[in-house]
């Protein structure tokens, strides 16, 4: 590019907002991403680096590249195979050639990168977000925003300190019919709402018992572990089963529960609970899976409301006809958000009094790309926050609060007792064992420091 970095960013601030209106729904039928790029005109776009592109990150890279006001300039992964695959897909979507990096910190050194998209394993989400902000980049981080509560608090402080836009991937906060459903709830469609339940179900198989083997030549195992204390490589961890190991993952509660608990917290208008309990365990298989495959987390709030999340990783029977959802109960009826961009309102007898549908199909069990077109709305909100100062639908403060709720559930599960919580701060009260899980140990030199 002939323009300087500063002039490019000045142009972005002045012009991208207008072009974003064209792209509110992502790429429309009949138009390719390349033709959209020509409609927008100049090559002055937000330039993104996507980090962690094996599965969900690959889908995000393609979605970001499909937006007319964005170019994916870098893709980064510790898996050399994932880099090659992602570059191929992105370069088929946009005109700009892509650079690949095994170590994402090299990408952060580039002055041409405006935003970093983080889809690494959970133990990397907060440390990578902090490094990106310290490098002067805006951040789009997939849920959960942190591996433990302390990291979430650090991210809130960092966003304020470095003045960066930080959006968490609670994409449903940007889905139009979900927004409308929450508005109906708050406007009294079911009277005073006082209880909410949410759920996620699946039929996941056993992960077996891992064996220590040589690290594959395509994997940088040391960098994959990054901030986590070192462990030997086993053949059943990479790329997905780390979710079920406390050392790196956060279980089904944060993997999928974060989305639904966030909807409940949003709809009921609450922040921190006063009491949290959790029941469940690893029941289905005898293997290396540590986190619960069956779990019910319960929350009580000072506002006189309660809510629950039910996770069943190994029994996929739906609830209310959906594998995932959030259901609000009120004095005059109930309101269902069934996982897609839809909602239903019921009277006290269970009769449907209103139903709002959407032609876009959402597959909540698709772990890479359940709702690409709808997620484009969340991405555009992120861009508009950068270029126009638009309010984020899922800023880091909101993201941390929802993440913390499911983290508290996991902590209660691990210590084996309910927790009393400070309703003003979300901190655990009078439980030394539980407070120990508020943070984690880091590999030396990888500690998060503002």
Protein backbone atom coordinates (compact mmCIF):
# COMPACT_ATOMS: atom_id res chain seq x y z
CA UNK A 1 0.00 0.00 0.00
CA UNK A 2 1.16 3.51 -0.80
CA UNK A 3 -0.65 5.20 2.06
CA UNK A 4 0.92 5.46 5.48
CA UNK A 5 -0.57 3.56 8.40
CA UNK A 6 -1.84 6.79 9.96
CA UNK A 7 -3.58 7.97 6.80
CA UNK A 8 -5.12 4.52 6.39
CA UNK A 9 -6.55 4.59 9.88
CA UNK A 10 -7.83 8.15 9.40
CA UNK A 11 -9.64 6.99 6.30
CA UNK A 12 -11.14 4.05 8.18
CA UNK A 13 -12.53 6.33 10.88
CA UNK A 14 -14.16 8.60 8.30
CA UNK A 15 -15.52 6.14 5.76
CA UNK A 16 -15.93 2.58 6.96
CA UNK A 17 -19.06 3.36 8.95
CA UNK A 18 -20.99 4.21 5.81
CA UNK A 19 -19.90 1.08 3.98
CA UNK A 20 -20.74 -1.07 6.99
CA UNK A 21 -24.42 -0.31 6.44
CA UNK A 22 -24.17 -2.22 3.15
CA UNK A 23 -22.83 -5.22 5.00
CA UNK A 24 -25.08 -5.43 8.02
CA UNK A 25 -26.17 -8.95 7.11
CA UNK A 26 -22.81 -10.07 5.74
CA UNK A 27 -22.55 -10.95 2.06
CA UNK A 28 -26.01 -10.77 0.48
CA UNK A 29 -27.27 -13.35 -2.03
CA UNK A 30 -26.01 -12.65 -5.54
CA UNK A 31 -22.88 -10.82 -4.45
CA UNK A 32 -19.46 -12.29 -3.81
CA UNK A 33 -17.09 -10.89 -1.20
CA UNK A 34 -14.86 -9.61 -4.02
CA UNK A 35 -17.69 -7.75 -5.75
CA UNK A 36 -18.63 -6.18 -2.42
CA UNK A 37 -15.04 -5.02 -2.03
CA UNK A 38 -15.35 -3.23 -5.36
CA UNK A 39 -18.63 -1.58 -4.24
CA UNK A 40 -16.94 -0.20 -1.14
CA UNK A 41 -14.17 1.13 -3.35
CA UNK A 42 -10.88 1.86 -1.62
CA UNK A 43 -8.64 -0.74 -0.09
CA UNK A 44 -8.77 1.18 3.17
CA UNK A 45 -10.30 -1.45 5.43
CA UNK A 46 -9.89 -2.65 8.97
CA UNK A 47 -7.06 -5.16 8.88
CA UNK A 48 -7.43 -8.15 11.16
CA UNK A 49 -5.16 -10.87 12.43
CA UNK A 50 -6.98 -14.09 13.34
CA UNK A 51 -5.27 -16.22 15.97
CA UNK A 52 -6.14 -19.89 16.42
CA UNK A 53 -7.57 -20.99 13.05
CA UNK A 54 -8.03 -24.74 13.32
CA UNK A 55 -11.82 -24.88 13.77
CA UNK A 56 -13.89 -21.99 15.10
CA UNK A 57 -11.07 -19.61 14.22
CA UNK A 58 -11.08 -20.76 10.61
CA UNK A 59 -14.81 -20.00 10.39
CA UNK A 60 -14.23 -16.59 11.98
CA UNK A 61 -11.40 -15.82 9.57
CA UNK A 62 -13.66 -16.55 6.61
CA UNK A 63 -16.48 -14.49 8.13
CA UNK A 64 -14.22 -11.50 8.80
CA UNK A 65 -12.75 -11.80 5.29
CA UNK A 66 -16.29 -11.80 3.85
CA UNK A 67 -17.06 -8.40 5.35
CA UNK A 68 -16.63 -5.56 2.82
CA UNK A 69 -14.92 -3.30 5.33
CA UNK A 70 -12.31 -5.81 6.50
CA UNK A 71 -9.29 -7.66 5.20
CA UNK A 72 -7.77 -10.59 7.08
CA UNK A 73 -4.09 -9.76 6.71
CA UNK A 74 -2.63 -12.40 9.05
CA UNK A 75 -3.61 -15.85 10.24
CA UNK A 76 -1.73 -17.39 13.15
CA UNK A 77 -1.64 -20.88 14.60
CA UNK A 78 0.74 -23.30 16.30
CA UNK A 79 -0.51 -25.92 13.81
CA UNK A 80 1.20 -25.38 10.45
CA UNK A 81 -1.53 -27.37 8.70
CA UNK A 82 -4.24 -25.03 10.00
CA UNK A 83 -2.35 -22.00 8.70
CA UNK A 84 -2.18 -23.39 5.17
CA UNK A 85 -5.84 -24.38 5.13
CA UNK A 86 -7.01 -21.03 6.48
CA UNK A 87 -4.87 -18.97 4.11
CA UNK A 88 -6.30 -20.88 1.16
CA UNK A 89 -9.88 -20.24 2.25
CA UNK A 90 -9.34 -16.57 3.07
CA UNK A 91 -7.53 -15.84 -0.18
CA UNK A 92 -10.47 -17.36 -2.07
CA UNK A 93 -12.73 -14.89 -0.23
CA UNK A 94 -10.79 -11.62 -0.44
CA UNK A 95 -8.26 -9.98 -2.78
CA UNK A 96 -5.54 -9.29 -0.22
CA UNK A 97 -2.81 -11.92 0.13
CA UNK A 98 -2.45 -13.31 3.64
CA UNK A 99 0.62 -13.81 5.80
CA UNK A 100 0.82 -16.80 8.13
CA UNK A 101 2.59 -16.89 11.50
CA UNK A 102 3.31 -19.79 13.83
CA UNK A 103 3.88 -17.32 16.68
CA UNK A 104 1.10 -14.73 16.84
CA UNK A 105 3.36 -12.32 18.72
CA UNK A 106 5.11 -11.63 15.40
CA UNK A 107 1.76 -10.53 13.98
CA UNK A 108 1.25 -8.16 16.91
CA UNK A 109 4.44 -6.35 15.90
CA UNK A 110 2.84 -5.22 12.62
CA UNK A 111 1.64 -1.62 12.54
CA UNK A 112 -0.77 -2.54 9.74
CA UNK A 113 -2.94 -4.69 12.02
CA UNK A 114 -5.89 -2.87 13.58
CA UNK A 115 -7.71 -5.74 15.30
CA UNK A 116 -6.91 -9.20 16.61
CA UNK A 117 -9.48 -12.00 16.54
CA UNK A 118 -8.77 -14.61 19.23
CA UNK A 119 -10.10 -18.16 18.91
CA UNK A 120 -7.36 -20.04 20.73
CA UNK A 121 -7.95 -22.57 23.53
CA UNK A 122 -9.57 -21.06 26.63
CA UNK A 123 -6.35 -20.78 28.65
CA UNK A 124 -5.04 -18.40 25.97
CA UNK A 125 -8.06 -16.08 25.62
CA UNK A 126 -7.21 -13.54 28.30
CA UNK A 127 -3.39 -13.57 28.00
CA UNK A 128 -3.58 -13.15 24.22
CA UNK A 129 -6.19 -10.38 24.55
CA UNK A 130 -3.94 -8.51 26.98
CA UNK A 131 -0.90 -8.84 24.70
CA UNK A 132 -2.95 -7.58 21.76
CA UNK A 133 -4.16 -4.52 23.68
CA UNK A 134 -0.63 -3.79 24.85
CA UNK A 135 0.42 -3.90 21.20
CA UNK A 136 -2.20 -1.26 20.39
CA UNK A 137 -4.80 -3.56 18.82
CA UNK A 138 -8.55 -3.82 19.27
CA UNK A 139 -9.75 -7.28 20.31
CA UNK A 140 -12.53 -9.64 19.30
CA UNK A 141 -12.25 -12.59 21.70
CA UNK A 142 -14.38 -15.70 21.56
CA UNK A 143 -16.21 -16.77 24.70
CA UNK A 144 -15.25 -17.36 27.39
CA UNK A 145 -13.17 -14.21 27.70
CA UNK A 146 -11.07 -15.83 30.43
CA UNK A 147 -10.01 -19.14 31.93
CA UNK A 148 -10.61 -17.91 35.50
CA UNK A 149 -12.22 -14.90 37.21
CA UNK A 150 -9.00 -13.02 37.92
CA UNK A 151 -8.16 -12.93 34.22
CA UNK A 152 -11.55 -11.43 33.40
CA UNK A 153 -11.00 -8.63 35.89
CA UNK A 154 -7.58 -7.94 34.39
CA UNK A 155 -9.13 -7.65 30.91
CA UNK A 156 -11.65 -5.09 32.15
CA UNK A 157 -8.83 -3.01 33.61
CA UNK A 158 -6.74 -3.42 30.46
CA UNK A 159 -9.51 -2.25 28.13
CA UNK A 160 -9.84 0.93 30.20
CA UNK A 161 -6.08 1.44 30.55
CA UNK A 162 -5.22 0.97 26.89
CA UNK A 163 -8.42 2.48 25.49
CA UNK A 164 -9.18 -0.41 23.16
CA UNK A 165 -12.43 -1.86 21.87
CA UNK A 166 -12.85 -5.38 23.28
CA UNK A 167 -15.82 -7.43 22.07
CA UNK A 168 -16.61 -10.92 23.38
CA UNK A 169 -18.17 -13.49 21.06
CA UNK A 170 -21.59 -13.56 22.72
CA UNK A 171 -23.01 -13.25 19.22
CA UNK A 172 -26.67 -13.57 20.20
CA UNK A 173 -26.44 -10.10 21.74
CA UNK A 174 -26.44 -8.82 18.13
CA UNK A 175 -29.16 -11.05 16.65
CA UNK A 176 -32.22 -8.87 15.83
CA UNK A 177 -35.02 -11.19 16.96
CA UNK A 178 -33.18 -12.08 20.16
CA UNK A 179 -32.82 -8.36 20.88
CA UNK A 180 -36.54 -7.94 20.16
CA UNK A 181 -37.42 -10.86 22.44
CA UNK A 182 -35.41 -9.42 25.32
CA UNK A 183 -37.09 -6.06 24.73
CA UNK A 184 -40.51 -7.72 24.90
CA UNK A 185 -39.48 -9.37 28.15
CA UNK A 186 -38.34 -6.11 29.68
CA UNK A 187 -41.52 -4.38 28.50
CA UNK A 188 -43.63 -6.84 30.50
CA UNK A 189 -44.78 -9.32 27.87
CA UNK A 190 -44.92 -12.04 30.56
CA UNK A 191 -45.35 -9.74 33.52
CA UNK A 192 -42.58 -9.71 36.11
CA UNK A 193 -40.02 -12.36 35.15
CA UNK A 194 -38.63 -14.09 38.24
CA UNK A 195 -37.04 -17.34 37.04
CA UNK A 196 -35.00 -18.42 34.05
CA UNK A 197 -33.65 -21.79 33.00
CA UNK A 198 -31.16 -22.51 30.24
CA UNK A 199 -29.58 -25.62 28.77
CA UNK A 200 -27.23 -27.26 26.30
CA UNK A 201 -27.38 -30.90 25.19
CA UNK A 202 -25.17 -33.06 22.99
CA UNK A 203 -24.06 -36.66 22.41
CA UNK A 204 -20.30 -36.42 22.81
CA UNK A 205 -18.30 -39.63 22.80
CA UNK A 206 -15.47 -40.76 25.04
CA UNK A 207 -12.05 -39.10 24.71
CA UNK A 208 -10.31 -42.27 25.88
CA UNK A 209 -7.12 -42.43 27.94
CA UNK A 210 -4.32 -40.48 26.34
CA UNK A 211 -0.84 -41.82 25.77
CA UNK A 212 2.36 -39.81 25.97
CA UNK A 213 3.75 -39.74 22.45
CA UNK A 214 6.14 -37.62 20.43
CA UNK A 215 4.86 -34.15 19.55
CA UNK A 216 3.75 -34.07 15.88
CA UNK A 217 6.07 -32.15 13.57
CA UNK A 218 3.23 -29.78 12.59
CA UNK A 219 2.60 -28.63 16.19
CA UNK A 220 4.44 -26.12 18.41
CA UNK A 221 3.40 -27.77 21.68
CA UNK A 222 5.35 -25.33 23.85
CA UNK A 223 3.58 -22.30 22.40
CA UNK A 224 0.23 -24.14 22.41
CA UNK A 225 0.61 -24.42 26.19
CA UNK A 226 1.81 -20.81 26.46
CA UNK A 227 0.70 -19.41 29.84
CA UNK A 228 -0.26 -22.83 31.28
CA UNK A 229 2.35 -24.75 33.30
CA UNK A 230 4.00 -27.38 31.14
CA UNK A 231 2.63 -30.89 30.73
CA UNK A 232 3.72 -33.78 28.55
CA UNK A 233 2.02 -34.11 25.18
CA UNK A 234 -0.72 -36.74 24.97
CA UNK A 235 -2.48 -37.98 21.87
CA UNK A 236 -6.04 -37.09 22.96
CA UNK A 237 -5.76 -33.37 23.83
CA UNK A 238 -5.24 -31.42 20.60
CA UNK A 239 -7.34 -29.99 19.01
CA UNK A 240 -10.63 -30.21 20.91
CA UNK A 241 -10.53 -32.42 23.99
CA UNK A 242 -8.58 -29.85 26.01
CA UNK A 243 -12.06 -28.39 26.71
CA UNK A 244 -12.63 -31.17 29.26
CA UNK A 245 -9.35 -30.74 31.17
CA UNK A 246 -9.23 -28.10 33.90
CA UNK A 247 -5.61 -27.25 33.13
CA UNK A 248 -6.56 -25.70 29.78
CA UNK A 249 -10.33 -25.87 29.44
CA UNK A 250 -13.44 -24.80 31.29
CA UNK A 251 -15.92 -27.58 30.54
CA UNK A 252 -19.32 -27.44 28.89
CA UNK A 253 -20.42 -24.70 31.25
CA UNK A 254 -18.13 -22.12 29.66
CA UNK A 255 -17.90 -23.81 26.27
CA UNK A 256 -21.65 -23.47 25.67
CA UNK A 257 -23.28 -22.40 28.92
CA UNK A 258 -21.78 -18.91 28.66
CA UNK A 259 -24.12 -18.04 25.78
CA UNK A 260 -27.30 -19.12 27.52
CA UNK A 261 -26.44 -17.80 30.98
CA UNK A 262 -25.66 -14.49 29.28
CA UNK A 263 -29.18 -14.41 27.82
CA UNK A 264 -30.69 -15.08 31.24
CA UNK A 265 -28.56 -12.43 32.91
CA UNK A 266 -29.46 -9.93 30.18
CA UNK A 267 -33.18 -10.66 30.27
CA UNK A 268 -33.49 -10.67 34.05
CA UNK A 269 -31.38 -7.52 34.37
CA UNK A 270 -28.91 -8.88 36.92
CA UNK A 271 -25.15 -8.79 37.37
CA UNK A 272 -23.79 -10.82 40.29
CA UNK A 273 -25.61 -13.47 42.36
CA UNK A 274 -25.64 -13.88 46.12
CA UNK A 275 -25.50 -17.68 46.04
CA UNK A 276 -24.29 -20.28 43.53
CA UNK A 277 -24.47 -24.07 43.67
CA UNK A 278 -23.66 -26.87 41.23
CA UNK A 279 -24.47 -30.56 41.02
CA UNK A 280 -23.22 -33.14 38.57
CA UNK A 281 -20.06 -34.90 37.50
CA UNK A 282 -18.37 -37.01 34.84
CA UNK A 283 -20.86 -39.87 34.67
CA UNK A 284 -21.00 -41.31 31.15
CA UNK A 285 -17.49 -42.65 30.47
CA UNK A 286 -14.38 -43.60 32.44
CA UNK A 287 -11.68 -41.68 30.60
CA UNK A 288 -9.49 -38.55 30.79
CA UNK A 289 -12.45 -36.17 30.77
CA UNK A 290 -12.30 -34.18 34.07
CA UNK A 291 -15.03 -31.53 33.81
CA UNK A 292 -18.69 -32.48 34.31
CA UNK A 293 -20.54 -34.10 31.43
CA UNK A 294 -23.75 -33.59 33.42
CA UNK A 295 -24.19 -30.39 35.41
CA UNK A 296 -26.91 -28.17 36.85
CA UNK A 297 -25.83 -24.75 38.14
CA UNK A 298 -28.26 -22.67 40.23
CA UNK A 299 -28.11 -18.94 40.99
CA UNK A 300 -30.00 -16.72 43.44
CA UNK A 301 -29.93 -12.92 43.14
CA UNK A 302 -30.72 -10.07 45.51
CA UNK A 303 -33.23 -8.77 42.96
CA UNK A 304 -35.58 -11.61 43.90
CA UNK A 305 -34.92 -13.79 40.86
CA UNK A 306 -33.24 -17.15 40.30
CA UNK A 307 -31.89 -18.99 37.30
CA UNK A 308 -30.31 -22.30 36.29
CA UNK A 309 -28.16 -23.79 33.57
CA UNK A 310 -28.32 -27.49 32.69
CA UNK A 311 -25.55 -29.08 30.65
CA UNK A 312 -25.74 -32.61 29.25
CA UNK A 313 -22.73 -33.39 27.10
CA UNK A 314 -23.53 -37.07 26.64
CA UNK A 315 -27.31 -37.21 26.38
CA UNK A 316 -28.70 -35.06 23.60
CA UNK A 317 -32.41 -35.19 24.35
CA UNK A 318 -33.72 -31.68 23.59
CA UNK A 319 -35.64 -29.43 25.96
CA UNK A 320 -38.57 -27.48 24.50
CA UNK A 321 -37.67 -29.05 21.16
CA UNK A 322 -34.21 -27.48 21.08
CA UNK A 323 -30.71 -28.68 21.92
CA UNK A 324 -29.95 -25.27 23.42
CA UNK A 325 -32.08 -22.50 24.84
CA UNK A 326 -33.13 -20.03 27.52
CA UNK A 327 -36.64 -19.89 28.98
CA UNK A 328 -37.96 -17.07 31.15
CA UNK A 329 -40.89 -17.58 33.55
CA UNK A 330 -43.04 -14.67 34.71
CA UNK A 331 -46.26 -13.82 36.50
CA UNK A 332 -48.27 -13.80 33.26
CA UNK A 333 -46.51 -16.33 31.05
CA UNK A 334 -43.13 -17.40 29.72
CA UNK A 335 -40.76 -16.47 26.90
CA UNK A 336 -38.49 -18.88 25.02
CA UNK A 337 -35.24 -18.12 23.20
CA UNK A 338 -34.57 -21.48 21.58
CA UNK A 339 -30.99 -20.94 20.44
CA UNK A 340 -31.68 -19.39 17.05
CA UNK A 341 -32.77 -15.91 16.00
CA UNK A 342 -36.31 -16.62 17.18
CA UNK A 343 -38.57 -16.32 20.21
CA UNK A 344 -41.93 -17.52 21.47
CA UNK A 345 -44.23 -16.06 24.11
CA UNK A 346 -46.61 -18.36 26.04
CA UNK A 347 -49.50 -17.63 28.36
CA UNK A 348 -49.79 -19.28 31.78
CA UNK A 349 -51.50 -22.31 30.24
CA UNK A 350 -48.64 -22.89 27.84
CA UNK A 351 -50.45 -21.61 24.76
CA UNK A 352 -48.31 -19.77 22.20
CA UNK A 353 -49.52 -16.17 21.99
CA UNK A 354 -46.69 -14.89 19.77
CA UNK A 355 -43.97 -16.51 17.69
CA UNK A 356 -41.21 -14.75 15.76
CA UNK A 357 -39.22 -16.88 13.32
CA UNK A 358 -36.16 -16.47 11.09
CA UNK A 359 -35.27 -18.20 7.82
CA UNK A 360 -31.62 -18.50 8.90
CA UNK A 361 -31.00 -21.91 10.40
CA UNK A 362 -28.74 -22.16 13.45
CA UNK A 363 -27.05 -25.46 14.31
CA UNK A 364 -26.04 -25.03 17.95
CA UNK A 365 -24.08 -28.29 17.88
CA UNK A 366 -21.87 -27.15 14.99
CA UNK A 367 -18.76 -26.33 16.97
CA UNK A 368 -17.06 -24.36 14.17
CA UNK A 369 -19.70 -22.23 12.47
CA UNK A 370 -23.26 -22.46 13.82
CA UNK A 371 -24.58 -19.12 12.50
CA UNK A 372 -22.30 -17.30 10.03
CA UNK A 373 -24.78 -14.78 8.60
CA UNK A 374 -26.09 -13.76 12.01
CA UNK A 375 -22.61 -13.58 13.48
CA UNK A 376 -21.73 -11.00 10.81
CA UNK A 377 -23.97 -8.58 12.72
CA UNK A 378 -21.79 -8.99 15.80
CA UNK A 379 -18.67 -8.45 13.72
CA UNK A 380 -20.10 -5.27 12.20
CA UNK A 381 -20.95 -3.99 15.67
CA UNK A 382 -17.28 -4.53 16.57
CA UNK A 383 -16.17 -2.59 13.49
CA UNK A 384 -18.62 0.25 14.16
CA UNK A 385 -17.35 0.54 17.72
CA UNK A 386 -13.84 1.01 16.34
CA UNK A 387 -14.73 3.44 13.57
CA UNK A 388 -17.77 5.32 14.90
CA UNK A 389 -17.74 4.80 18.65
CA UNK A 390 -20.91 2.68 18.48
CA UNK A 391 -21.82 0.96 21.74
CA UNK A 392 -20.72 -2.66 21.84
CA UNK A 393 -23.45 -5.24 22.30
CA UNK A 394 -21.07 -7.49 24.26
CA UNK A 395 -18.27 -5.37 25.70
CA UNK A 396 -15.69 -6.84 28.04
CA UNK A 397 -17.54 -5.71 31.16
CA UNK A 398 -20.70 -7.55 30.12
CA UNK A 399 -18.66 -10.48 28.80
CA UNK A 400 -16.76 -10.82 32.06
CA UNK A 401 -19.92 -10.80 34.17
CA UNK A 402 -21.54 -13.59 32.15
CA UNK A 403 -18.31 -15.58 32.02
CA UNK A 404 -17.87 -15.16 35.77
CA UNK A 405 -21.30 -16.63 36.49
CA UNK A 406 -20.43 -19.95 34.86
CA UNK A 407 -16.95 -19.86 36.35
CA UNK A 408 -18.54 -19.58 39.79
CA UNK A 409 -20.66 -22.61 38.94
CA UNK A 410 -17.55 -24.60 38.07
CA UNK A 411 -15.83 -23.48 41.25
CA UNK A 412 -18.81 -24.60 43.34
CA UNK A 413 -18.73 -27.93 41.51
CA UNK A 414 -15.02 -28.43 42.15
CA UNK A 415 -15.08 -27.57 45.87
CA UNK A 416 -18.28 -29.54 46.48
CA UNK A 417 -20.37 -26.87 48.20
CA UNK A 418 -22.49 -23.83 47.43
CA UNK A 419 -20.84 -20.41 47.39
CA UNK A 420 -21.88 -17.15 49.01
CA UNK A 421 -21.14 -14.22 46.69
CA UNK A 422 -20.74 -10.48 47.19
CA UNK A 423 -23.58 -9.09 45.05
CA UNK A 424 -21.64 -5.87 44.41
CA UNK A 425 -18.36 -7.38 43.18
CA UNK A 426 -19.07 -10.99 42.28
CA UNK A 427 -16.33 -12.15 44.64
CA UNK A 428 -16.55 -15.33 46.72
CA UNK A 429 -17.14 -14.83 50.45
CA UNK A 430 -15.68 -16.82 53.36
CA UNK A 431 -14.44 -19.86 51.43
CA UNK A 432 -10.66 -20.20 51.28
CA UNK A 433 -10.73 -23.34 49.14
CA UNK A 434 -13.02 -21.73 46.57
CA UNK A 435 -11.05 -18.49 46.52
CA UNK A 436 -7.96 -20.49 45.56
CA UNK A 437 -9.65 -21.20 42.21
CA UNK A 438 -10.21 -17.50 41.52
CA UNK A 439 -6.93 -17.45 39.59
CA UNK A 440 -4.40 -19.96 38.33
CA UNK A 441 -0.67 -20.73 38.31
CA UNK A 442 1.20 -19.66 35.20
CA UNK A 443 4.26 -20.94 33.43
CA UNK A 444 7.13 -18.73 34.59
CA UNK A 445 7.38 -15.63 32.44
CA UNK A 446 3.79 -15.87 31.18
CA UNK A 447 2.01 -14.12 34.07
CA UNK A 448 -0.59 -11.55 33.07
CA UNK A 449 0.70 -8.08 33.98
CA UNK A 450 -0.92 -4.74 33.24
